[in-house]
Each structure stands twice: as C-alpha cells, then as structure tokens.
Amino acid sequence: MPMWTLKTFMPFDFTKHGDGTLKGKTLVITGASRGIGLEIAKRAAKDGANISILAKTVTPHPKLEGTIFTAAKELEALGGKVLAL
C-alpha cells in the first residue's frame, strides 16, 4: 500500500499562508544556472526572497547559455538577495 495516494495529496497553497509571496523567505535551489531551477529562482527573486543557488556551471558552455554567476546577476536585478555556491 502506498504511503500516500492522489486523493490525500494536497499541494502547498501559498495564498493561504501569509501574504502569498516568498518575501523574506530563504530558499536553496539546485541547478539554478539554467532551465527550471533558474525559473524557480526568478519567481522567488521577484518576490524578494533570499536565495542560495547551486550549480556546477562556472565557465560558459559552448552550446548552452548561462553560468551560476550570470544567474546570480539576473536574480539580483529582479530584486532577490542571492548567494551563489
């Protein structure tokens, strides 16, 4: 028997807690130099969250754009406080 079923799973609803934003919250996001990790970090930065981003891309990839440093600059420009690890 599974630990939970679809009937019992309740996703977190930010609108029911506080002001509905991530302002003042602290997040740790892995894979934040590009893709879904970066998009999640952007959403948090727009709300004014404190974000620790982790990524292994330090030097630019020839075919993929973005490094942990470019992501940190982008997130700070959106209003987040960022620590790149």
N, C-alpha and C. Protein backbone atom coordinates (compact mmCIF):
# COMPACT_ATOMS: atom_id res chain seq x y z
N MET A 1 0.85 -1.18 0.00
CA MET A 1 0.00 0.00 0.00
C MET A 1 0.90 1.25 0.00
N PRO A 2 0.62 2.23 -0.87
CA PRO A 2 1.46 3.42 -0.93
C PRO A 2 1.30 4.29 0.32
N MET A 3 2.34 5.07 0.59
CA MET A 3 2.32 5.97 1.74
C MET A 3 1.24 7.05 1.57
N TRP A 4 1.03 7.50 0.35
CA TRP A 4 0.00 8.50 0.09
C TRP A 4 -0.65 8.18 -1.25
N THR A 5 -1.80 8.68 -1.46
CA THR A 5 -2.48 8.49 -2.74
C THR A 5 -2.82 9.86 -3.30
N LEU A 6 -3.23 9.89 -4.53
CA LEU A 6 -3.59 11.15 -5.17
C LEU A 6 -4.75 11.82 -4.43
N LYS A 7 -5.61 11.05 -3.83
CA LYS A 7 -6.75 11.61 -3.09
C LYS A 7 -6.29 12.34 -1.83
N THR A 8 -5.18 11.91 -1.23
CA THR A 8 -4.74 12.53 0.02
C THR A 8 -3.65 13.57 -0.20
N PHE A 9 -3.08 13.66 -1.39
CA PHE A 9 -2.01 14.61 -1.65
C PHE A 9 -2.58 16.01 -1.78
N MET A 10 -2.06 16.93 -0.96
CA MET A 10 -2.50 18.31 -1.01
C MET A 10 -1.30 19.20 -1.29
N PRO A 11 -1.19 19.80 -2.49
CA PRO A 11 -0.06 20.68 -2.77
C PRO A 11 -0.13 21.93 -1.91
N PHE A 12 1.04 22.51 -1.65
CA PHE A 12 1.10 23.71 -0.81
C PHE A 12 0.45 24.88 -1.54
N ASP A 13 -0.40 25.59 -0.85
CA ASP A 13 -1.09 26.75 -1.42
C ASP A 13 -0.55 28.01 -0.76
N PHE A 14 0.26 28.78 -1.50
CA PHE A 14 0.88 29.98 -0.95
C PHE A 14 -0.15 31.05 -0.61
N THR A 15 -1.30 31.03 -1.23
CA THR A 15 -2.30 32.08 -0.98
C THR A 15 -2.93 31.96 0.39
N LYS A 16 -2.85 30.81 1.03
CA LYS A 16 -3.46 30.62 2.34
C LYS A 16 -2.50 30.92 3.49
N HIS A 17 -1.26 31.23 3.17
CA HIS A 17 -0.26 31.44 4.21
C HIS A 17 0.39 32.81 4.04
N GLY A 18 0.20 33.67 5.00
CA GLY A 18 0.84 34.98 4.96
C GLY A 18 0.29 35.84 3.83
N ASP A 19 1.19 36.53 3.16
CA ASP A 19 0.78 37.45 2.11
C ASP A 19 0.81 36.83 0.72
N GLY A 20 1.09 35.55 0.62
CA GLY A 20 1.08 34.86 -0.68
C GLY A 20 2.36 35.05 -1.48
N THR A 21 3.41 35.58 -0.87
CA THR A 21 4.68 35.76 -1.58
C THR A 21 5.80 35.04 -0.83
N LEU A 22 6.96 35.06 -1.42
CA LEU A 22 8.14 34.46 -0.80
C LEU A 22 9.04 35.52 -0.18
N LYS A 23 8.56 36.74 -0.04
CA LYS A 23 9.35 37.84 0.52
C LYS A 23 9.83 37.47 1.92
N GLY A 24 11.14 37.61 2.12
CA GLY A 24 11.73 37.32 3.41
C GLY A 24 12.00 35.85 3.67
N LYS A 25 11.55 34.97 2.78
CA LYS A 25 11.82 33.54 2.93
C LYS A 25 13.20 33.22 2.37
N THR A 26 13.81 32.15 2.84
CA THR A 26 15.11 31.72 2.36
C THR A 26 14.97 30.39 1.64
N LEU A 27 15.49 30.33 0.42
CA LEU A 27 15.39 29.13 -0.40
C LEU A 27 16.78 28.66 -0.82
N VAL A 28 16.93 27.36 -0.99
CA VAL A 28 18.13 26.77 -1.57
C VAL A 28 17.67 26.08 -2.84
N ILE A 29 18.23 26.49 -3.98
CA ILE A 29 17.79 25.95 -5.27
C ILE A 29 18.99 25.36 -5.99
N THR A 30 18.88 24.09 -6.37
CA THR A 30 19.95 23.43 -7.11
C THR A 30 19.66 23.51 -8.60
N GLY A 31 20.71 23.44 -9.39
CA GLY A 31 20.54 23.51 -10.84
C GLY A 31 20.04 24.87 -11.29
N ALA A 32 20.49 25.92 -10.64
CA ALA A 32 19.92 27.25 -10.85
C ALA A 32 20.61 28.07 -11.94
N SER A 33 21.55 27.50 -12.67
CA SER A 33 22.20 28.29 -13.71
C SER A 33 21.38 28.38 -14.98
N ARG A 34 20.44 27.46 -15.15
CA ARG A 34 19.56 27.48 -16.35
C ARG A 34 18.37 26.57 -16.13
N GLY A 35 17.45 26.59 -17.04
CA GLY A 35 16.30 25.68 -17.01
C GLY A 35 15.32 25.96 -15.89
N ILE A 36 14.70 24.90 -15.41
CA ILE A 36 13.64 25.04 -14.41
C ILE A 36 14.17 25.58 -13.08
N GLY A 37 15.41 25.24 -12.73
CA GLY A 37 15.99 25.77 -11.50
C GLY A 37 16.09 27.29 -11.55
N LEU A 38 16.51 27.82 -12.69
CA LEU A 38 16.62 29.27 -12.86
C LEU A 38 15.24 29.91 -12.85
N GLU A 39 14.27 29.29 -13.46
CA GLU A 39 12.91 29.85 -13.50
C GLU A 39 12.29 29.89 -12.10
N ILE A 40 12.52 28.88 -11.31
CA ILE A 40 12.03 28.88 -9.92
C ILE A 40 12.71 30.00 -9.14
N ALA A 41 14.01 30.15 -9.34
CA ALA A 41 14.75 31.21 -8.66
C ALA A 41 14.26 32.60 -9.08
N LYS A 42 13.92 32.76 -10.35
CA LYS A 42 13.41 34.05 -10.84
C LYS A 42 12.09 34.39 -10.15
N ARG A 43 11.23 33.42 -10.01
CA ARG A 43 9.94 33.64 -9.34
C ARG A 43 10.16 34.08 -7.89
N ALA A 44 11.10 33.44 -7.22
CA ALA A 44 11.39 33.79 -5.84
C ALA A 44 12.04 35.17 -5.75
N ALA A 45 12.93 35.49 -6.69
CA ALA A 45 13.60 36.79 -6.68
C ALA A 45 12.61 37.93 -6.88
N LYS A 46 11.63 37.73 -7.74
CA LYS A 46 10.61 38.76 -7.96
C LYS A 46 9.84 39.06 -6.68
N ASP A 47 9.71 38.07 -5.82
CA ASP A 47 9.02 38.27 -4.55
C ASP A 47 9.94 38.87 -3.48
N GLY A 48 11.25 38.91 -3.74
CA GLY A 48 12.19 39.46 -2.78
C GLY A 48 12.71 38.44 -1.78
N ALA A 49 12.84 37.20 -2.22
CA ALA A 49 13.33 36.13 -1.34
C ALA A 49 14.85 36.16 -1.23
N ASN A 50 15.36 35.51 -0.20
CA ASN A 50 16.79 35.26 -0.05
C ASN A 50 17.05 33.91 -0.70
N ILE A 51 17.97 33.86 -1.67
CA ILE A 51 18.13 32.64 -2.46
C ILE A 51 19.59 32.20 -2.47
N SER A 52 19.82 30.95 -2.11
CA SER A 52 21.13 30.33 -2.28
C SER A 52 21.01 29.45 -3.53
N ILE A 53 21.81 29.76 -4.54
CA ILE A 53 21.74 28.98 -5.77
C ILE A 53 22.98 28.09 -5.87
N LEU A 54 22.75 26.87 -6.32
CA LEU A 54 23.82 25.90 -6.51
C LEU A 54 23.79 25.45 -7.96
N ALA A 55 24.95 25.43 -8.58
CA ALA A 55 25.06 24.96 -9.96
C ALA A 55 26.50 24.58 -10.22
N LYS A 56 26.70 23.68 -11.16
CA LYS A 56 28.08 23.27 -11.45
C LYS A 56 28.67 24.03 -12.64
N THR A 57 27.86 24.83 -13.32
CA THR A 57 28.35 25.57 -14.47
C THR A 57 29.01 26.87 -14.02
N VAL A 58 30.34 26.87 -14.06
CA VAL A 58 31.11 28.04 -13.65
C VAL A 58 31.63 28.77 -14.89
N THR A 59 32.04 28.01 -15.89
CA THR A 59 32.51 28.60 -17.14
C THR A 59 31.45 28.41 -18.21
N PRO A 60 31.34 29.35 -19.14
CA PRO A 60 30.31 29.24 -20.18
C PRO A 60 30.46 27.97 -21.02
N HIS A 61 29.33 27.34 -21.28
CA HIS A 61 29.29 26.15 -22.14
C HIS A 61 29.16 26.62 -23.58
N PRO A 62 29.81 25.95 -24.54
CA PRO A 62 29.73 26.42 -25.92
C PRO A 62 28.33 26.35 -26.54
N LYS A 63 27.48 25.46 -26.05
CA LYS A 63 26.15 25.31 -26.65
C LYS A 63 25.01 25.76 -25.75
N LEU A 64 25.27 25.90 -24.45
CA LEU A 64 24.22 26.28 -23.50
C LEU A 64 24.59 27.60 -22.84
N GLU A 65 23.63 28.52 -22.79
CA GLU A 65 23.94 29.80 -22.16
C GLU A 65 23.70 29.74 -20.66
N GLY A 66 24.40 30.58 -19.95
CA GLY A 66 24.19 30.73 -18.52
C GLY A 66 25.23 30.03 -17.66
N THR A 67 25.68 30.76 -16.64
CA THR A 67 26.55 30.20 -15.61
C THR A 67 25.93 30.58 -14.27
N ILE A 68 26.49 30.09 -13.20
CA ILE A 68 25.97 30.43 -11.89
C ILE A 68 26.12 31.93 -11.62
N PHE A 69 27.16 32.55 -12.20
CA PHE A 69 27.40 33.96 -11.98
C PHE A 69 26.42 34.84 -12.78
N THR A 70 26.12 34.44 -14.01
CA THR A 70 25.13 35.21 -14.79
C THR A 70 23.75 35.06 -14.17
N ALA A 71 23.46 33.88 -13.63
CA ALA A 71 22.17 33.66 -12.97
C ALA A 71 22.06 34.54 -11.73
N ALA A 72 23.14 34.65 -10.94
CA ALA A 72 23.12 35.47 -9.73
C ALA A 72 22.87 36.94 -10.08
N LYS A 73 23.52 37.44 -11.11
CA LYS A 73 23.31 38.83 -11.54
C LYS A 73 21.87 39.06 -11.97
N GLU A 74 21.33 38.11 -12.71
CA GLU A 74 19.95 38.22 -13.19
C GLU A 74 18.96 38.22 -12.03
N LEU A 75 19.19 37.38 -11.06
CA LEU A 75 18.29 37.28 -9.90
C LEU A 75 18.37 38.52 -9.02
N GLU A 76 19.57 39.07 -8.86
CA GLU A 76 19.71 40.30 -8.08
C GLU A 76 19.00 41.45 -8.77
N ALA A 77 19.05 41.48 -10.10
CA ALA A 77 18.36 42.54 -10.86
C ALA A 77 16.84 42.44 -10.69
N LEU A 78 16.35 41.24 -10.41
CA LEU A 78 14.91 41.05 -10.21
C LEU A 78 14.46 41.37 -8.78
N GLY A 79 15.43 41.62 -7.89
CA GLY A 79 15.07 42.01 -6.53
C GLY A 79 15.39 41.00 -5.45
N GLY A 80 16.01 39.88 -5.80
CA GLY A 80 16.35 38.88 -4.80
C GLY A 80 17.71 39.12 -4.18
N LYS A 81 17.91 38.59 -2.99
CA LYS A 81 19.24 38.58 -2.37
C LYS A 81 19.81 37.21 -2.65
N VAL A 82 20.98 37.17 -3.31
CA VAL A 82 21.49 35.91 -3.85
C VAL A 82 22.87 35.56 -3.29
N LEU A 83 23.02 34.28 -2.97
CA LEU A 83 24.31 33.71 -2.59
C LEU A 83 24.59 32.57 -3.56
N ALA A 84 25.61 32.72 -4.39
CA ALA A 84 25.96 31.68 -5.36
C ALA A 84 26.99 30.74 -4.74
N LEU A 85 26.66 29.46 -4.70
CA LEU A 85 27.55 28.46 -4.10
C LEU A 85 28.02 27.48 -5.16
